[in-house]
C-alpha atoms as a PDB file:
ATOM      1  CA  MET A   1      25.299-102.015 -56.684  1.00  0.00           C
ATOM      2  CA  MET A   2      24.234 -98.379 -56.612  1.00  0.00           C
ATOM      3  CA  PHE A   3      25.033 -95.938 -53.837  1.00  0.00           C
ATOM      4  CA  SER A   4      22.537 -93.174 -53.149  1.00  0.00           C
ATOM      5  CA  SER A   5      21.737 -90.691 -50.381  1.00  0.00           C
ATOM      6  CA  LEU A   6      23.431 -87.800 -48.676  1.00  0.00           C
ATOM      7  CA  TYR A   7      24.890 -87.722 -45.152  1.00  0.00           C
ATOM      8  CA  PHE A   8      26.571 -85.061 -43.038  1.00  0.00           C
ATOM      9  CA  HIS A   9      29.226 -86.079 -40.517  1.00  0.00           C
ATOM     10  CA  SER A  10      32.193 -84.514 -38.753  1.00  0.00           C
ATOM     11  CA  LEU A  11      35.781 -85.649 -38.520  1.00  0.00           C
ATOM     12  CA  ASP A  12      36.978 -86.401 -35.019  1.00  0.00           C
ATOM     13  CA  ALA A  13      40.273 -85.181 -33.506  1.00  0.00           C
ATOM     14  CA  LYS A  14      42.129 -88.163 -35.054  1.00  0.00           C
ATOM     15  CA  ASN A  15      40.804 -87.442 -38.580  1.00  0.00           C
ATOM     16  CA  ARG A  16      38.371 -90.352 -38.490  1.00  0.00           C
ATOM     17  CA  LEU A  17      35.134 -90.108 -40.425  1.00  0.00           C
ATOM     18  CA  PHE A  18      32.050 -92.211 -39.782  1.00  0.00           C
ATOM     19  CA  ILE A  19      30.869 -94.120 -42.852  1.00  0.00           C
ATOM     20  CA  PRO A  20      27.086 -94.680 -42.758  1.00  0.00           C
ATOM     21  CA  ALA A  21      26.026 -98.263 -41.972  1.00  0.00           C
ATOM     22  CA  LYS A  22      24.060 -98.527 -45.228  1.00  0.00           C
ATOM     23  CA  PHE A  23      27.240 -97.830 -47.205  1.00  0.00           C
ATOM     24  CA  ARG A  24      29.436-100.094 -45.051  1.00  0.00           C
ATOM     25  CA  GLU A  25      27.104-103.023 -45.647  1.00  0.00           C
ATOM     26  CA  MET A  26      27.356-102.527 -49.400  1.00  0.00           C
ATOM     27  CA  LEU A  27      31.141-101.958 -49.420  1.00  0.00           C
ATOM     28  CA  GLY A  28      32.179-105.009 -47.462  1.00  0.00           C
ATOM     29  CA  GLU A  29      34.989-105.170 -44.918  1.00  0.00           C
ATOM     30  CA  GLU A  30      37.683-103.656 -47.137  1.00  0.00           C
ATOM     31  CA  PHE A  31      37.276-101.011 -49.803  1.00  0.00           C
ATOM     32  CA  VAL A  32      39.322 -98.445 -51.694  1.00  0.00           C
ATOM     33  CA  LEU A  33      39.643 -94.777 -50.787  1.00  0.00           C
ATOM     34  CA  PHE A  34      40.784 -92.746 -53.775  1.00  0.00           C
ATOM     35  CA  SER A  35      41.813 -89.120 -54.264  1.00  0.00           C
ATOM     36  CA  GLY A  36      40.080 -88.596 -57.579  1.00  0.00           C
ATOM     37  CA  PRO A  37      40.085 -85.806 -60.142  1.00  0.00           C
ATOM     38  CA  ASP A  38      37.437 -83.782 -58.301  1.00  0.00           C
ATOM     39  CA  LYS A  39      38.055 -81.924 -55.028  1.00  0.00           C
ATOM     40  CA  CYS A  40      36.716 -84.904 -53.125  1.00  0.00           C
ATOM     41  CA  LEU A  41      37.568 -88.460 -52.144  1.00  0.00           C
ATOM     42  CA  TYR A  42      36.012 -91.448 -53.871  1.00  0.00           C
ATOM     43  CA  ILE A  43      35.182 -94.716 -52.168  1.00  0.00           C
ATOM     44  CA  TYR A  44      34.887 -97.810 -54.354  1.00  0.00           C
ATOM     45  CA  ASP A  45      34.077-101.354 -53.385  1.00  0.00           C
ATOM     46  CA  LYS A  46      36.943-103.624 -54.414  1.00  0.00           C
ATOM     47  CA  GLU A  47      35.120-104.986 -57.460  1.00  0.00           C
ATOM     48  CA  ARG A  48      34.349-101.540 -58.887  1.00  0.00           C
ATOM     49  CA  PHE A  49      37.901-100.352 -58.203  1.00  0.00           C
ATOM     50  CA  GLU A  50      39.181-103.322 -60.238  1.00  0.00           C
ATOM     51  CA  GLU A  51      36.958-102.232 -63.130  1.00  0.00           C
ATOM     52  CA  VAL A  52      38.123 -98.622 -62.963  1.00  0.00           C
ATOM     53  CA  SER A  53      41.788 -99.583 -62.580  1.00  0.00           C
ATOM     54  CA  GLN A  54      41.738-101.680 -65.773  1.00  0.00           C
ATOM     55  CA  GLN A  55      41.814 -98.418 -67.724  1.00  0.00           C
ATOM     56  CA  PHE A  56      45.190 -97.618 -66.185  1.00  0.00           C
ATOM     57  CA  ILE A  57      46.916-101.005 -65.889  1.00  0.00           C
ATOM     58  CA  ASN A  58      47.772-101.208 -69.586  1.00  0.00           C
ATOM     59  CA  HIS A  59      47.829 -97.480 -70.263  1.00  0.00           C
ATOM     60  CA  PRO A  60      50.967 -96.469 -72.172  1.00  0.00           C
ATOM     61  CA  ASN A  61      51.432 -93.361 -70.031  1.00  0.00           C
ATOM     62  CA  ARG A  62      53.368 -94.426 -66.929  1.00  0.00           C
ATOM     63  CA  ALA A  63      52.734 -91.060 -65.282  1.00  0.00           C
ATOM     64  CA  ALA A  64      48.983 -91.722 -65.511  1.00  0.00           C
ATOM     65  CA  GLN A  65      49.514 -95.159 -63.947  1.00  0.00           C
ATOM     66  CA  ARG A  66      51.625 -93.732 -61.120  1.00  0.00           C
ATOM     67  CA  SER A  67      49.179 -90.950 -60.433  1.00  0.00           C
ATOM     68  CA  PHE A  68      46.169 -93.257 -60.402  1.00  0.00           C
ATOM     69  CA  PHE A  69      47.563 -96.054 -58.263  1.00  0.00           C
ATOM     70  CA  SER A  70      49.449 -93.815 -55.827  1.00  0.00           C
ATOM     71  CA  ASN A  71      46.184 -92.043 -55.010  1.00  0.00           C
ATOM     72  CA  ALA A  72      44.401 -95.252 -53.996  1.00  0.00           C
ATOM     73  CA  ALA A  73      44.479 -96.904 -50.579  1.00  0.00           C
ATOM     74  CA  GLU A  74      42.777-100.080 -49.385  1.00  0.00           C
ATOM     75  CA  VAL A  75      41.062 -99.319 -46.108  1.00  0.00           C
ATOM     76  CA  SER A  76      38.587-100.732 -43.634  1.00  0.00           C
ATOM     77  CA  THR A  77      36.521 -99.190 -40.882  1.00  0.00           C
ATOM     78  CA  ASP A  78      37.168 -99.554 -37.175  1.00  0.00           C
ATOM     79  CA  LYS A  79      34.611-101.100 -34.807  1.00  0.00           C
ATOM     80  CA  GLN A  80      32.687 -97.802 -34.697  1.00  0.00           C
ATOM     81  CA  GLY A  81      32.392 -97.607 -38.489  1.00  0.00           C
ATOM     82  CA  ARG A  82      35.030 -94.906 -38.961  1.00  0.00           C
ATOM     83  CA  VAL A  83      37.813 -94.646 -41.506  1.00  0.00           C
ATOM     84  CA  THR A  84      40.988 -92.651 -40.835  1.00  0.00           C
ATOM     85  CA  LEU A  85      41.857 -90.080 -43.481  1.00  0.00           C
ATOM     86  CA  SER A  86      45.492 -89.193 -44.182  1.00  0.00           C
ATOM     87  CA  ALA A  87      46.806 -85.628 -44.240  1.00  0.00           C
ATOM     88  CA  GLU A  88      47.134 -85.903 -48.033  1.00  0.00           C
ATOM     89  CA  GLN A  89      43.526 -87.031 -48.411  1.00  0.00           C
ATOM     90  CA  LEU A  90      42.290 -84.224 -46.165  1.00  0.00           C
ATOM     91  CA  ALA A  91      44.253 -81.658 -48.164  1.00  0.00           C
ATOM     92  CA  HIS A  92      43.075 -83.030 -51.522  1.00  0.00           C
ATOM     93  CA  ALA A  93      39.405 -82.757 -50.535  1.00  0.00           C
ATOM     94  CA  GLY A  94      39.796 -79.568 -48.479  1.00  0.00           C
ATOM     95  CA  LEU A  95      38.362 -81.323 -45.432  1.00  0.00           C
ATOM     96  CA  ASN A  96      38.702 -79.655 -42.050  1.00  0.00           C
ATOM     97  CA  LYS A  97      35.916 -80.591 -39.665  1.00  0.00           C
ATOM     98  CA  ASP A  98      32.692 -81.323 -41.518  1.00  0.00           C
ATOM     99  CA  ALA A  99      32.119 -83.686 -44.436  1.00  0.00           C
ATOM    100  CA  VAL A 100      29.341 -84.499 -46.863  1.00  0.00           C
ATOM    101  CA  ILE A 101      29.146 -88.181 -47.781  1.00  0.00           C
ATOM    102  CA  VAL A 102      27.362 -88.666 -51.074  1.00  0.00           C
ATOM    103  CA  GLY A 103      26.096 -91.805 -52.758  1.00  0.00           C
ATOM    104  CA  ALA A 104      27.015 -91.199 -56.403  1.00  0.00           C
ATOM    105  CA  GLY A 105      25.906 -94.315 -58.247  1.00  0.00           C
ATOM    106  CA  LYS A 106      28.855 -96.682 -58.523  1.00  0.00           C
ATOM    107  CA  ARG A 107      30.933 -94.819 -55.939  1.00  0.00           C
ATOM    108  CA  ILE A 108      30.679 -92.835 -52.739  1.00  0.00           C
ATOM    109  CA  GLU A 109      32.130 -89.333 -52.587  1.00  0.00           C
ATOM    110  CA  ILE A 110      33.421 -87.454 -49.535  1.00  0.00           C
ATOM    111  CA  TRP A 111      33.305 -83.679 -49.890  1.00  0.00           C
ATOM    112  CA  ALA A 112      34.076 -80.607 -47.838  1.00  0.00           C
ATOM    113  CA  PRO A 113      30.667 -78.878 -47.571  1.00  0.00           C
ATOM    114  CA  GLU A 114      31.786 -75.736 -49.425  1.00  0.00           C
ATOM    115  CA  ASN A 115      33.293 -77.775 -52.311  1.00  0.00           C
ATOM    116  CA  PHE A 116      30.149 -79.906 -52.542  1.00  0.00           C
ATOM    117  CA  LYS A 117      27.999 -76.792 -52.729  1.00  0.00           C
ATOM    118  CA  GLN A 118      30.129 -75.401 -55.579  1.00  0.00           C
ATOM    119  CA  ALA A 119      30.140 -78.690 -57.502  1.00  0.00           C
ATOM    120  CA  SER A 120      26.432 -79.424 -57.126  1.00  0.00           C
ATOM    121  CA  VAL A 121      23.912 -78.440 -59.763  1.00  0.00           C
ATOM    122  CA  PRO A 122      20.131 -78.699 -59.269  1.00  0.00           C
ATOM    123  CA  LEU A 123      18.522 -81.305 -61.547  1.00  0.00           C
ATOM    124  CA  ALA A 124      16.426 -78.610 -63.214  1.00  0.00           C
ATOM    125  CA  GLU A 125      19.606 -76.850 -64.387  1.00  0.00           C
ATOM    126  CA  ILE A 126      21.321 -79.869 -65.940  1.00  0.00           C
ATOM    127  CA  ASP A 127      21.561 -79.664 -69.721  1.00  0.00           C
ATOM    128  CA  LYS A 128      19.348 -82.122 -71.614  1.00  0.00           C
ATOM    129  CA  MET A 129      17.565 -83.186 -68.445  1.00  0.00           C
ATOM    130  CA  ASP A 130      14.498 -83.901 -70.542  1.00  0.00           C
ATOM    131  CA  THR A 131      16.238 -86.971 -72.002  1.00  0.00           C
ATOM    132  CA  PHE A 132      15.881 -88.739 -68.643  1.00  0.00           C
ATOM    133  CA  VAL A 133      12.710 -90.545 -67.650  1.00  0.00           C
ATOM    134  CA  PHE A 134      11.595 -90.312 -64.019  1.00  0.00           C
END
């Protein structure tokens, strides 16, 4: 399963964010919202989260385990396709009103527009881009 595309949505007054129907269909009813190492939130389907979490389950560093698993939350959307973001998640991603929802291969990312702009690099500027075949 590969997520692709870019969407722009706004948070409502109750910090709910609409997840595009295309993504919801691929994610299933429940999925994992994760405050990852970037200034954004990751969304994984449950199967992919299991794969990623295997790196941490047997990791000898308990602090790494705590940090990883405490930043993950199983969630589902409401009837309107929205997910409620916690104050901690909003702060981590720097989200206020607007959000960019990005299909990023094996995950979905939720960015504040200004953070997404800073983190994005045009394809033409990526080092060794000529090694890819289009």
